[in-house]
Amino acid sequence: MNKKNIFKNAKFILIVLAFVSVLTMGFSTALGNDVELNINGKTKTVFTYEKTVGAFLEKEGIVLKNKDVVSPSVDQEIKKDMKVMITSPKSYHIKDGNKILIAEANGYTVADVLE
C-alpha cells in the first residue's frame, strides 16, 4: 500500500465515524424526553428514555411512600416536556373553637388542606 491509499482509507473511516456519531446522537435525542420533576416544590429537569412515569421514577431511584401523590399517574406514558409532580402529605394542626384537629394533607393552600 502506498501513502495515498492509507490517507484515503483513514479519511474515509473518519468521515464514516463522524456520520455514525451524528446519526446516533440524533436518534438518542429523538427517542428520549426531558421531564420536569417536581418533588414537594423542588424542581429539576431530567432527560430520560423511559416510557412510563413509573419506570422513570424507578430509574431515578425515587421510592414512593404510602400517601405520596404522583401526577400524572405512574401508568401514564412519558411525553415531550412532561411535568411530573410528587407531593408528600404534611401534618397540619387545625384549631376549631376549643378543639385542635390534626390532619394530613397534600395541599399547599388552606383550601387544599380543609378539603
PDB file of N, CA and C in Angstrom:
ATOM      1  N   MET A   1       0.831  -1.182   0.000  1.00  0.00           N
ATOM      2  CA  MET A   1       0.000   0.000   0.000  1.00  0.00           C
ATOM      3  C   MET A   1       0.876   1.245   0.000  1.00  0.00           C
ATOM      4  N   ASN A   2       0.454   2.199  -0.749  1.00  0.00           N
ATOM      5  CA  ASN A   2       1.223   3.437  -0.730  1.00  0.00           C
ATOM      6  C   ASN A   2       0.560   4.446   0.223  1.00  0.00           C
ATOM      7  N   LYS A   3       1.253   5.558   0.459  1.00  0.00           N
ATOM      8  CA  LYS A   3       0.794   6.538   1.437  1.00  0.00           C
ATOM      9  C   LYS A   3      -0.541   7.169   1.056  1.00  0.00           C
ATOM     10  N   LYS A   4      -0.790   7.382  -0.239  1.00  0.00           N
ATOM     11  CA  LYS A   4      -2.043   7.993  -0.678  1.00  0.00           C
ATOM     12  C   LYS A   4      -3.233   7.112  -0.308  1.00  0.00           C
ATOM     13  N   ASN A   5      -3.115   5.797  -0.503  1.00  0.00           N
ATOM     14  CA  ASN A   5      -4.207   4.885  -0.168  1.00  0.00           C
ATOM     15  C   ASN A   5      -4.471   4.858   1.340  1.00  0.00           C
ATOM     16  N   ILE A   6      -3.403   4.914   2.132  1.00  0.00           N
ATOM     17  CA  ILE A   6      -3.558   4.909   3.586  1.00  0.00           C
ATOM     18  C   ILE A   6      -4.321   6.153   4.039  1.00  0.00           C
ATOM     19  N   PHE A   7      -3.960   7.322   3.483  1.00  0.00           N
ATOM     20  CA  PHE A   7      -4.638   8.554   3.863  1.00  0.00           C
ATOM     21  C   PHE A   7      -6.081   8.574   3.370  1.00  0.00           C
ATOM     22  N   LYS A   8      -6.357   8.024   2.182  1.00  0.00           N
ATOM     23  CA  LYS A   8      -7.722   7.955   1.678  1.00  0.00           C
ATOM     24  C   LYS A   8      -8.561   7.053   2.580  1.00  0.00           C
ATOM     25  N   ASN A   9      -8.000   5.911   2.983  1.00  0.00           N
ATOM     26  CA  ASN A   9      -8.726   4.993   3.862  1.00  0.00           C
ATOM     27  C   ASN A   9      -8.990   5.635   5.230  1.00  0.00           C
ATOM     28  N   ALA A  10      -7.977   6.321   5.769  1.00  0.00           N
ATOM     29  CA  ALA A  10      -8.139   6.977   7.064  1.00  0.00           C
ATOM     30  C   ALA A  10      -9.190   8.081   6.985  1.00  0.00           C
ATOM     31  N   LYS A  11      -9.167   8.840   5.895  1.00  0.00           N
ATOM     32  CA  LYS A  11     -10.138   9.911   5.699  1.00  0.00           C
ATOM     33  C   LYS A  11     -11.544   9.325   5.586  1.00  0.00           C
ATOM     34  N   PHE A  12     -11.687   8.248   4.850  1.00  0.00           N
ATOM     35  CA  PHE A  12     -12.983   7.589   4.695  1.00  0.00           C
ATOM     36  C   PHE A  12     -13.499   7.088   6.047  1.00  0.00           C
ATOM     37  N   ILE A  13     -12.622   6.475   6.823  1.00  0.00           N
ATOM     38  CA  ILE A  13     -13.009   5.947   8.135  1.00  0.00           C
ATOM     39  C   ILE A  13     -13.448   7.088   9.059  1.00  0.00           C
ATOM     40  N   LEU A  14     -12.721   8.198   9.050  1.00  0.00           N
ATOM     41  CA  LEU A  14     -13.090   9.345   9.884  1.00  0.00           C
ATOM     42  C   LEU A  14     -14.441   9.917   9.474  1.00  0.00           C
ATOM     43  N   ILE A  15     -14.699   9.992   8.193  1.00  0.00           N
ATOM     44  CA  ILE A  15     -15.986  10.507   7.712  1.00  0.00           C
ATOM     45  C   ILE A  15     -17.117   9.577   8.149  1.00  0.00           C
ATOM     46  N   VAL A  16     -16.920   8.284   8.018  1.00  0.00           N
ATOM     47  CA  VAL A  16     -17.935   7.308   8.428  1.00  0.00           C
ATOM     48  C   VAL A  16     -18.182   7.400   9.934  1.00  0.00           C
ATOM     49  N   LEU A  17     -17.117   7.501  10.726  1.00  0.00           N
ATOM     50  CA  LEU A  17     -17.273   7.618  12.182  1.00  0.00           C
ATOM     51  C   LEU A  17     -18.020   8.889  12.569  1.00  0.00           C
ATOM     52  N   ALA A  18     -17.715   9.990  11.915  1.00  0.00           N
ATOM     53  CA  ALA A  18     -18.404  11.247  12.196  1.00  0.00           C
ATOM     54  C   ALA A  18     -19.889  11.126  11.853  1.00  0.00           C
ATOM     55  N   PHE A  19     -20.192  10.514  10.720  1.00  0.00           N
ATOM     56  CA  PHE A  19     -21.577  10.324  10.293  1.00  0.00           C
ATOM     57  C   PHE A  19     -22.338   9.447  11.288  1.00  0.00           C
ATOM     58  N   VAL A  20     -21.726   8.346  11.702  1.00  0.00           N
ATOM     59  CA  VAL A  20     -22.359   7.440  12.668  1.00  0.00           C
ATOM     60  C   VAL A  20     -22.590   8.151  14.001  1.00  0.00           C
ATOM     61  N   SER A  21     -21.645   8.971  14.437  1.00  0.00           N
ATOM     62  CA  SER A  21     -21.789   9.718  15.694  1.00  0.00           C
ATOM     63  C   SER A  21     -22.967  10.679  15.623  1.00  0.00           C
ATOM     64  N   VAL A  22     -23.063  11.429  14.545  1.00  0.00           N
ATOM     65  CA  VAL A  22     -24.165  12.380  14.375  1.00  0.00           C
ATOM     66  C   VAL A  22     -25.494  11.637  14.321  1.00  0.00           C
ATOM     67  N   LEU A  23     -25.535  10.549  13.604  1.00  0.00           N
ATOM     68  CA  LEU A  23     -26.754   9.753  13.485  1.00  0.00           C
ATOM     69  C   LEU A  23     -27.172   9.193  14.838  1.00  0.00           C
ATOM     70  N   THR A  24     -26.238   8.673  15.592  1.00  0.00           N
ATOM     71  CA  THR A  24     -26.529   8.110  16.911  1.00  0.00           C
ATOM     72  C   THR A  24     -27.043   9.180  17.870  1.00  0.00           C
ATOM     73  N   MET A  25     -26.405  10.342  17.879  1.00  0.00           N
ATOM     74  CA  MET A  25     -26.861  11.426  18.747  1.00  0.00           C
ATOM     75  C   MET A  25     -28.260  11.878  18.355  1.00  0.00           C
ATOM     76  N   GLY A  26     -28.546  11.908  17.086  1.00  0.00           N
ATOM     77  CA  GLY A  26     -29.872  12.302  16.614  1.00  0.00           C
ATOM     78  C   GLY A  26     -30.938  11.325  17.068  1.00  0.00           C
ATOM     79  N   PHE A  27     -30.667  10.024  16.948  1.00  0.00           N
ATOM     80  CA  PHE A  27     -31.627   9.021  17.379  1.00  0.00           C
ATOM     81  C   PHE A  27     -31.833   9.065  18.885  1.00  0.00           C
ATOM     82  N   SER A  28     -30.752   9.207  19.639  1.00  0.00           N
ATOM     83  CA  SER A  28     -30.895   9.211  21.097  1.00  0.00           C
ATOM     84  C   SER A  28     -31.703  10.426  21.553  1.00  0.00           C
ATOM     85  N   THR A  29     -31.505  11.551  20.908  1.00  0.00           N
ATOM     86  CA  THR A  29     -32.276  12.742  21.247  1.00  0.00           C
ATOM     87  C   THR A  29     -33.737  12.563  20.854  1.00  0.00           C
ATOM     88  N   ALA A  30     -33.997  11.949  19.730  1.00  0.00           N
ATOM     89  CA  ALA A  30     -35.361  11.746  19.266  1.00  0.00           C
ATOM     90  C   ALA A  30     -36.111  10.727  20.128  1.00  0.00           C
ATOM     91  N   LEU A  31     -35.425   9.752  20.674  1.00  0.00           N
ATOM     92  CA  LEU A  31     -36.075   8.700  21.451  1.00  0.00           C
ATOM     93  C   LEU A  31     -36.269   9.081  22.911  1.00  0.00           C
ATOM     94  N   GLY A  32     -35.533  10.058  23.400  1.00  0.00           N
ATOM     95  CA  GLY A  32     -35.628  10.459  24.798  1.00  0.00           C
ATOM     96  C   GLY A  32     -36.465  11.709  24.973  1.00  0.00           C
ATOM     97  N   ASN A  33     -36.774  12.018  26.223  1.00  0.00           N
ATOM     98  CA  ASN A  33     -37.583  13.191  26.547  1.00  0.00           C
ATOM     99  C   ASN A  33     -37.048  13.895  27.781  1.00  0.00           C
ATOM    100  N   ASP A  34     -37.239  15.204  27.819  1.00  0.00           N
ATOM    101  CA  ASP A  34     -36.972  15.967  29.030  1.00  0.00           C
ATOM    102  C   ASP A  34     -38.221  15.908  29.901  1.00  0.00           C
ATOM    103  N   VAL A  35     -38.021  15.655  31.187  1.00  0.00           N
ATOM    104  CA  VAL A  35     -39.119  15.615  32.145  1.00  0.00           C
ATOM    105  C   VAL A  35     -38.802  16.614  33.250  1.00  0.00           C
ATOM    106  N   GLU A  36     -39.756  17.487  33.544  1.00  0.00           N
ATOM    107  CA  GLU A  36     -39.608  18.405  34.669  1.00  0.00           C
ATOM    108  C   GLU A  36     -40.148  17.689  35.899  1.00  0.00           C
ATOM    109  N   LEU A  37     -39.262  17.359  36.824  1.00  0.00           N
ATOM    110  CA  LEU A  37     -39.617  16.617  38.028  1.00  0.00           C
ATOM    111  C   LEU A  37     -39.728  17.571  39.199  1.00  0.00           C
ATOM    112  N   ASN A  38     -40.902  17.609  39.827  1.00  0.00           N
ATOM    113  CA  ASN A  38     -41.151  18.480  40.965  1.00  0.00           C
ATOM    114  C   ASN A  38     -41.490  17.600  42.161  1.00  0.00           C
ATOM    115  N   ILE A  39     -40.593  17.595  43.158  1.00  0.00           N
ATOM    116  CA  ILE A  39     -40.831  16.817  44.372  1.00  0.00           C
ATOM    117  C   ILE A  39     -40.996  17.798  45.525  1.00  0.00           C
ATOM    118  N   ASN A  40     -42.238  17.915  45.987  1.00  0.00           N
ATOM    119  CA  ASN A  40     -42.566  18.826  47.091  1.00  0.00           C
ATOM    120  C   ASN A  40     -42.029  20.235  46.877  1.00  0.00           C
ATOM    121  N   GLY A  41     -42.164  20.729  45.649  1.00  0.00           N
ATOM    122  CA  GLY A  41     -41.770  22.099  45.330  1.00  0.00           C
ATOM    123  C   GLY A  41     -40.356  22.280  44.822  1.00  0.00           C
ATOM    124  N   LYS A  42     -39.534  21.232  44.902  1.00  0.00           N
ATOM    125  CA  LYS A  42     -38.165  21.318  44.377  1.00  0.00           C
ATOM    126  C   LYS A  42     -38.166  20.735  42.969  1.00  0.00           C
ATOM    127  N   THR A  43     -37.776  21.564  42.016  1.00  0.00           N
ATOM    128  CA  THR A  43     -37.891  21.191  40.601  1.00  0.00           C
ATOM    129  C   THR A  43     -36.527  20.999  39.962  1.00  0.00           C
ATOM    130  N   LYS A  44     -36.442  19.969  39.103  1.00  0.00           N
ATOM    131  CA  LYS A  44     -35.257  19.780  38.266  1.00  0.00           C
ATOM    132  C   LYS A  44     -35.714  19.133  36.963  1.00  0.00           C
ATOM    133  N   THR A  45     -34.927  19.328  35.916  1.00  0.00           N
ATOM    134  CA  THR A  45     -35.225  18.738  34.620  1.00  0.00           C
ATOM    135  C   THR A  45     -34.307  17.544  34.404  1.00  0.00           C
ATOM    136  N   VAL A  46     -34.906  16.427  33.996  1.00  0.00           N
ATOM    137  CA  VAL A  46     -34.172  15.176  33.821  1.00  0.00           C
ATOM    138  C   VAL A  46     -34.456  14.636  32.420  1.00  0.00           C
ATOM    139  N   PHE A  47     -33.408  14.206  31.714  1.00  0.00           N
ATOM    140  CA  PHE A  47     -33.566  13.574  30.404  1.00  0.00           C
ATOM    141  C   PHE A  47     -33.732  12.076  30.619  1.00  0.00           C
ATOM    142  N   THR A  48     -34.711  11.479  29.942  1.00  0.00           N
ATOM    143  CA  THR A  48     -34.968  10.048  30.139  1.00  0.00           C
ATOM    144  C   THR A  48     -35.365   9.360  28.841  1.00  0.00           C
ATOM    145  N   TYR A  49     -35.084   8.055  28.813  1.00  0.00           N
ATOM    146  CA  TYR A  49     -35.531   7.202  27.715  1.00  0.00           C
ATOM    147  C   TYR A  49     -36.697   6.321  28.162  1.00  0.00           C
ATOM    148  N   GLU A  50     -37.091   6.408  29.424  1.00  0.00           N
ATOM    149  CA  GLU A  50     -38.159   5.551  29.948  1.00  0.00           C
ATOM    150  C   GLU A  50     -39.481   5.882  29.274  1.00  0.00           C
ATOM    151  N   LYS A  51     -40.368   4.894  29.247  1.00  0.00           N
ATOM    152  CA  LYS A  51     -41.645   5.045  28.530  1.00  0.00           C
ATOM    153  C   LYS A  51     -42.801   5.475  29.422  1.00  0.00           C
ATOM    154  N   THR A  52     -42.751   5.139  30.740  1.00  0.00           N
ATOM    155  CA  THR A  52     -43.844   5.494  31.638  1.00  0.00           C
ATOM    156  C   THR A  52     -43.309   6.281  32.831  1.00  0.00           C
ATOM    157  N   VAL A  53     -44.217   6.969  33.512  1.00  0.00           N
ATOM    158  CA  VAL A  53     -43.841   7.735  34.691  1.00  0.00           C
ATOM    159  C   VAL A  53     -43.277   6.801  35.760  1.00  0.00           C
ATOM    160  N   GLY A  54     -43.904   5.636  35.947  1.00  0.00           N
ATOM    161  CA  GLY A  54     -43.430   4.676  36.937  1.00  0.00           C
ATOM    162  C   GLY A  54     -42.017   4.200  36.658  1.00  0.00           C
ATOM    163  N   ALA A  55     -41.736   3.862  35.398  1.00  0.00           N
ATOM    164  CA  ALA A  55     -40.390   3.412  35.009  1.00  0.00           C
ATOM    165  C   ALA A  55     -39.380   4.544  35.189  1.00  0.00           C
ATOM    166  N   PHE A  56     -39.792   5.767  34.888  1.00  0.00           N
ATOM    167  CA  PHE A  56     -38.930   6.936  35.062  1.00  0.00           C
ATOM    168  C   PHE A  56     -38.565   7.121  36.539  1.00  0.00           C
ATOM    169  N   LEU A  57     -39.577   7.050  37.421  1.00  0.00           N
ATOM    170  CA  LEU A  57     -39.321   7.221  38.854  1.00  0.00           C
ATOM    171  C   LEU A  57     -38.413   6.116  39.379  1.00  0.00           C
ATOM    172  N   GLU A  58     -38.634   4.893  38.917  1.00  0.00           N
ATOM    173  CA  GLU A  58     -37.788   3.769  39.335  1.00  0.00           C
ATOM    174  C   GLU A  58     -36.344   3.978  38.891  1.00  0.00           C
ATOM    175  N   LYS A  59     -36.172   4.402  37.651  1.00  0.00           N
ATOM    176  CA  LYS A  59     -34.830   4.652  37.105  1.00  0.00           C
ATOM    177  C   LYS A  59     -34.112   5.749  37.893  1.00  0.00           C
ATOM    178  N   GLU A  60     -34.861   6.750  38.367  1.00  0.00           N
ATOM    179  CA  GLU A  60     -34.287   7.857  39.134  1.00  0.00           C
ATOM    180  C   GLU A  60     -34.086   7.492  40.604  1.00  0.00           C
ATOM    181  N   GLY A  61     -34.507   6.289  40.992  1.00  0.00           N
ATOM    182  CA  GLY A  61     -34.327   5.840  42.372  1.00  0.00           C
ATOM    183  C   GLY A  61     -35.304   6.471  43.351  1.00  0.00           C
ATOM    184  N   ILE A  62     -36.451   6.895  42.844  1.00  0.00           N
ATOM    185  CA  ILE A  62     -37.454   7.542  43.686  1.00  0.00           C
ATOM    186  C   ILE A  62     -38.453   6.483  44.151  1.00  0.00           C
ATOM    187  N   VAL A  63     -38.525   6.306  45.467  1.00  0.00           N
ATOM    188  CA  VAL A  63     -39.452   5.340  46.054  1.00  0.00           C
ATOM    189  C   VAL A  63     -40.616   6.122  46.650  1.00  0.00           C
ATOM    190  N   LEU A  64     -41.809   5.809  46.186  1.00  0.00           N
ATOM    191  CA  LEU A  64     -42.994   6.500  46.680  1.00  0.00           C
ATOM    192  C   LEU A  64     -43.449   5.891  47.995  1.00  0.00           C
ATOM    193  N   LYS A  65     -43.852   6.755  48.913  1.00  0.00           N
ATOM    194  CA  LYS A  65     -44.387   6.299  50.184  1.00  0.00           C
ATOM    195  C   LYS A  65     -45.895   6.151  50.049  1.00  0.00           C
ATOM    196  N   ASN A  66     -46.498   5.573  51.064  1.00  0.00           N
ATOM    197  CA  ASN A  66     -47.911   5.239  51.058  1.00  0.00           C
ATOM    198  C   ASN A  66     -48.837   6.341  50.569  1.00  0.00           C
ATOM    199  N   LYS A  67     -48.701   7.536  51.119  1.00  0.00           N
ATOM    200  CA  LYS A  67     -49.659   8.603  50.824  1.00  0.00           C
ATOM    201  C   LYS A  67     -49.122   9.643  49.839  1.00  0.00           C
ATOM    202  N   ASP A  68     -47.985   9.379  49.217  1.00  0.00           N
ATOM    203  CA  ASP A  68     -47.467  10.303  48.208  1.00  0.00           C
ATOM    204  C   ASP A  68     -48.417  10.332  47.015  1.00  0.00           C
ATOM    205  N   VAL A  69     -48.579  11.501  46.451  1.00  0.00           N
ATOM    206  CA  VAL A  69     -49.441  11.664  45.281  1.00  0.00           C
ATOM    207  C   VAL A  69     -48.560  11.994  44.083  1.00  0.00           C
ATOM    208  N   VAL A  70     -48.739  11.238  42.996  1.00  0.00           N
ATOM    209  CA  VAL A  70     -47.974  11.454  41.764  1.00  0.00           C
ATOM    210  C   VAL A  70     -48.935  11.911  40.679  1.00  0.00           C
ATOM    211  N   SER A  71     -48.547  12.974  40.004  1.00  0.00           N
ATOM    212  CA  SER A  71     -49.365  13.475  38.905  1.00  0.00           C
ATOM    213  C   SER A  71     -48.455  13.784  37.724  1.00  0.00           C
ATOM    214  N   PRO A  72     -48.694  13.217  36.562  1.00  0.00           N
ATOM    215  CA  PRO A  72     -49.713  12.229  36.210  1.00  0.00           C
ATOM    216  C   PRO A  72     -49.394  10.874  36.844  1.00  0.00           C
ATOM    217  N   SER A  73     -50.320   9.923  36.697  1.00  0.00           N
ATOM    218  CA  SER A  73     -50.189   8.624  37.355  1.00  0.00           C
ATOM    219  C   SER A  73     -48.980   7.849  36.826  1.00  0.00           C
ATOM    220  N   VAL A  74     -48.557   6.844  37.601  1.00  0.00           N
ATOM    221  CA  VAL A  74     -47.365   6.068  37.244  1.00  0.00           C
ATOM    222  C   VAL A  74     -47.555   5.278  35.948  1.00  0.00           C
ATOM    223  N   ASP A  75     -48.786   5.044  35.532  1.00  0.00           N
ATOM    224  CA  ASP A  75     -49.062   4.317  34.285  1.00  0.00           C
ATOM    225  C   ASP A  75     -49.015   5.210  33.055  1.00  0.00           C
ATOM    226  N   GLN A  76     -48.989   6.518  33.261  1.00  0.00           N
ATOM    227  CA  GLN A  76     -49.018   7.477  32.152  1.00  0.00           C
ATOM    228  C   GLN A  76     -47.751   7.380  31.306  1.00  0.00           C
ATOM    229  N   GLU A  77     -47.911   7.478  29.994  1.00  0.00           N
ATOM    230  CA  GLU A  77     -46.780   7.453  29.069  1.00  0.00           C
ATOM    231  C   GLU A  77     -46.038   8.788  29.116  1.00  0.00           C
ATOM    232  N   ILE A  78     -44.699   8.716  29.107  1.00  0.00           N
ATOM    233  CA  ILE A  78     -43.866   9.927  29.101  1.00  0.00           C
ATOM    234  C   ILE A  78     -44.008  10.608  27.745  1.00  0.00           C
ATOM    235  N   LYS A  79     -44.231  11.920  27.795  1.00  0.00           N
ATOM    236  CA  LYS A  79     -44.341  12.718  26.572  1.00  0.00           C
ATOM    237  C   LYS A  79     -43.327  13.846  26.617  1.00  0.00           C
ATOM    238  N   LYS A  80     -43.138  14.485  25.491  1.00  0.00           N
ATOM    239  CA  LYS A  80     -42.166  15.567  25.375  1.00  0.00           C
ATOM    240  C   LYS A  80     -42.492  16.693  26.365  1.00  0.00           C
ATOM    241  N   ASP A  81     -41.460  17.177  27.068  1.00  0.00           N
ATOM    242  CA  ASP A  81     -41.574  18.282  28.021  1.00  0.00           C
ATOM    243  C   ASP A  81     -42.651  18.048  29.085  1.00  0.00           C
ATOM    244  N   MET A  82     -42.764  16.812  29.540  1.00  0.00           N
ATOM    245  CA  MET A  82     -43.756  16.452  30.547  1.00  0.00           C
ATOM    246  C   MET A  82     -43.358  16.971  31.918  1.00  0.00           C
ATOM    247  N   LYS A  83     -44.354  17.272  32.746  1.00  0.00           N
ATOM    248  CA  LYS A  83     -44.130  17.689  34.124  1.00  0.00           C
ATOM    249  C   LYS A  83     -44.668  16.597  35.037  1.00  0.00           C
ATOM    250  N   VAL A  84     -43.817  16.099  35.931  1.00  0.00           N
ATOM    251  CA  VAL A  84     -44.210  15.087  36.904  1.00  0.00           C
ATOM    252  C   VAL A  84     -44.103  15.718  38.282  1.00  0.00           C
ATOM    253  N   MET A  85     -45.212  15.672  39.040  1.00  0.00           N
ATOM    254  CA  MET A  85     -45.236  16.279  40.356  1.00  0.00           C
ATOM    255  C   MET A  85     -45.502  15.210  41.418  1.00  0.00           C
ATOM    256  N   ILE A  86     -44.673  15.215  42.449  1.00  0.00           N
ATOM    257  CA  ILE A  86     -44.853  14.313  43.583  1.00  0.00           C
ATOM    258  C   ILE A  86     -45.032  15.176  44.819  1.00  0.00           C
ATOM    259  N   THR A  87     -46.124  14.941  45.539  1.00  0.00           N
ATOM    260  CA  THR A  87     -46.344  15.668  46.782  1.00  0.00           C
ATOM    261  C   THR A  87     -46.518  14.667  47.916  1.00  0.00           C
ATOM    262  N   SER A  88     -45.867  14.959  49.013  1.00  0.00           N
ATOM    263  CA  SER A  88     -45.980  14.137  50.219  1.00  0.00           C
ATOM    264  C   SER A  88     -46.884  14.865  51.206  1.00  0.00           C
ATOM    265  N   PRO A  89     -47.710  14.126  51.933  1.00  0.00           N
ATOM    266  CA  PRO A  89     -48.601  14.789  52.888  1.00  0.00           C
ATOM    267  C   PRO A  89     -47.820  15.416  54.041  1.00  0.00           C
ATOM    268  N   LYS A  90     -48.372  16.493  54.554  1.00  0.00           N
ATOM    269  CA  LYS A  90     -47.801  17.171  55.710  1.00  0.00           C
ATOM    270  C   LYS A  90     -48.849  17.175  56.808  1.00  0.00           C
ATOM    271  N   SER A  91     -48.401  17.270  58.050  1.00  0.00           N
ATOM    272  CA  SER A  91     -49.315  17.359  59.187  1.00  0.00           C
ATOM    273  C   SER A  91     -49.676  18.817  59.435  1.00  0.00           C
ATOM    274  N   TYR A  92     -50.972  19.045  59.645  1.00  0.00           N
ATOM    275  CA  TYR A  92     -51.458  20.384  59.947  1.00  0.00           C
ATOM    276  C   TYR A  92     -52.274  20.327  61.228  1.00  0.00           C
ATOM    277  N   HIS A  93     -52.122  21.330  62.070  1.00  0.00           N
ATOM    278  CA  HIS A  93     -52.914  21.468  63.290  1.00  0.00           C
ATOM    279  C   HIS A  93     -53.993  22.510  63.000  1.00  0.00           C
ATOM    280  N   ILE A  94     -55.247  22.089  63.128  1.00  0.00           N
ATOM    281  CA  ILE A  94     -56.372  22.977  62.819  1.00  0.00           C
ATOM    282  C   ILE A  94     -57.136  23.235  64.116  1.00  0.00           C
ATOM    283  N   LYS A  95     -57.250  24.486  64.466  1.00  0.00           N
ATOM    284  CA  LYS A  95     -57.978  24.847  65.677  1.00  0.00           C
ATOM    285  C   LYS A  95     -59.415  25.183  65.300  1.00  0.00           C
ATOM    286  N   ASP A  96     -60.335  24.426  65.890  1.00  0.00           N
ATOM    287  CA  ASP A  96     -61.769  24.618  65.645  1.00  0.00           C
ATOM    288  C   ASP A  96     -62.418  24.893  66.994  1.00  0.00           C
ATOM    289  N   GLY A  97     -62.549  26.150  67.330  1.00  0.00           N
ATOM    290  CA  GLY A  97     -63.072  26.504  68.650  1.00  0.00           C
ATOM    291  C   GLY A  97     -62.079  26.081  69.708  1.00  0.00           C
ATOM    292  N   ASN A  98     -62.520  25.183  70.590  1.00  0.00           N
ATOM    293  CA  ASN A  98     -61.640  24.680  71.642  1.00  0.00           C
ATOM    294  C   ASN A  98     -60.965  23.376  71.247  1.00  0.00           C
ATOM    295  N   LYS A  99     -61.305  22.855  70.098  1.00  0.00           N
ATOM    296  CA  LYS A  99     -60.721  21.582  69.643  1.00  0.00           C
ATOM    297  C   LYS A  99     -59.552  21.840  68.701  1.00  0.00           C
ATOM    298  N   ILE A 100     -58.559  20.970  68.794  1.00  0.00           N
ATOM    299  CA  ILE A 100     -57.445  21.020  67.844  1.00  0.00           C
ATOM    300  C   ILE A 100     -57.450  19.705  67.082  1.00  0.00           C
ATOM    301  N   LEU A 101     -57.589  19.810  65.788  1.00  0.00           N
ATOM    302  CA  LEU A 101     -57.584  18.644  64.913  1.00  0.00           C
ATOM    303  C   LEU A 101     -56.222  18.532  64.246  1.00  0.00           C
ATOM    304  N   ILE A 102     -55.747  17.326  64.087  1.00  0.00           N
ATOM    305  CA  ILE A 102     -54.508  17.106  63.361  1.00  0.00           C
ATOM    306  C   ILE A 102     -54.878  16.408  62.058  1.00  0.00           C
ATOM    307  N   ALA A 103     -54.499  17.020  60.954  1.00  0.00           N
ATOM    308  CA  ALA A 103     -54.861  16.476  59.637  1.00  0.00           C
ATOM    309  C   ALA A 103     -53.609  16.338  58.781  1.00  0.00           C
ATOM    310  N   GLU A 104     -53.614  15.328  57.942  1.00  0.00           N
ATOM    311  CA  GLU A 104     -52.563  15.185  56.934  1.00  0.00           C
ATOM    312  C   GLU A 104     -53.165  15.543  55.596  1.00  0.00           C
ATOM    313  N   ALA A 105     -52.434  16.344  54.819  1.00  0.00           N
ATOM    314  CA  ALA A 105     -52.936  16.753  53.515  1.00  0.00           C
ATOM    315  C   ALA A 105     -51.773  16.993  52.569  1.00  0.00           C
ATOM    316  N   ASN A 106     -52.070  16.864  51.294  1.00  0.00           N
ATOM    317  CA  ASN A 106     -51.068  17.113  50.260  1.00  0.00           C
ATOM    318  C   ASN A 106     -51.143  18.534  49.715  1.00  0.00           C
ATOM    319  N   GLY A 107     -52.028  19.327  50.226  1.00  0.00           N
ATOM    320  CA  GLY A 107     -52.240  20.653  49.669  1.00  0.00           C
ATOM    321  C   GLY A 107     -51.206  21.673  50.097  1.00  0.00           C
ATOM    322  N   TYR A 108     -51.176  22.761  49.352  1.00  0.00           N
ATOM    323  CA  TYR A 108     -50.277  23.870  49.653  1.00  0.00           C
ATOM    324  C   TYR A 108     -51.046  25.074  50.178  1.00  0.00           C
ATOM    325  N   THR A 109     -52.361  25.084  49.982  1.00  0.00           N
ATOM    326  CA  THR A 109     -53.164  26.224  50.413  1.00  0.00           C
ATOM    327  C   THR A 109     -54.105  25.791  51.525  1.00  0.00           C
ATOM    328  N   VAL A 110     -54.673  26.766  52.227  1.00  0.00           N
ATOM    329  CA  VAL A 110     -55.643  26.454  53.287  1.00  0.00           C
ATOM    330  C   VAL A 110     -56.829  25.708  52.698  1.00  0.00           C
ATOM    331  N   ALA A 111     -57.294  26.128  51.543  1.00  0.00           N
ATOM    332  CA  ALA A 111     -58.430  25.448  50.892  1.00  0.00           C
ATOM    333  C   ALA A 111     -58.087  23.979  50.593  1.00  0.00           C
ATOM    334  N   ASP A 112     -56.864  23.710  50.134  1.00  0.00           N
ATOM    335  CA  ASP A 112     -56.440  22.327  49.852  1.00  0.00           C
ATOM    336  C   ASP A 112     -56.482  21.496  51.124  1.00  0.00           C
ATOM    337  N   VAL A 113     -55.966  22.056  52.222  1.00  0.00           N
ATOM    338  CA  VAL A 113     -55.898  21.317  53.483  1.00  0.00           C
ATOM    339  C   VAL A 113     -57.300  21.063  54.022  1.00  0.00           C
ATOM    340  N   LEU A 114     -58.149  22.070  53.996  1.00  0.00           N
ATOM    341  CA  LEU A 114     -59.501  21.905  54.519  1.00  0.00           C
ATOM    342  C   LEU A 114     -60.341  20.958  53.677  1.00  0.00           C
ATOM    343  N   GLU A 115     -60.041  20.875  52.420  1.00  0.00           N
ATOM    344  CA  GLU A 115     -60.762  19.960  51.518  1.00  0.00           C
ATOM    345  C   GLU A 115     -60.519  18.526  51.952  1.00  0.00           C
TER     346      GLU A 115
END
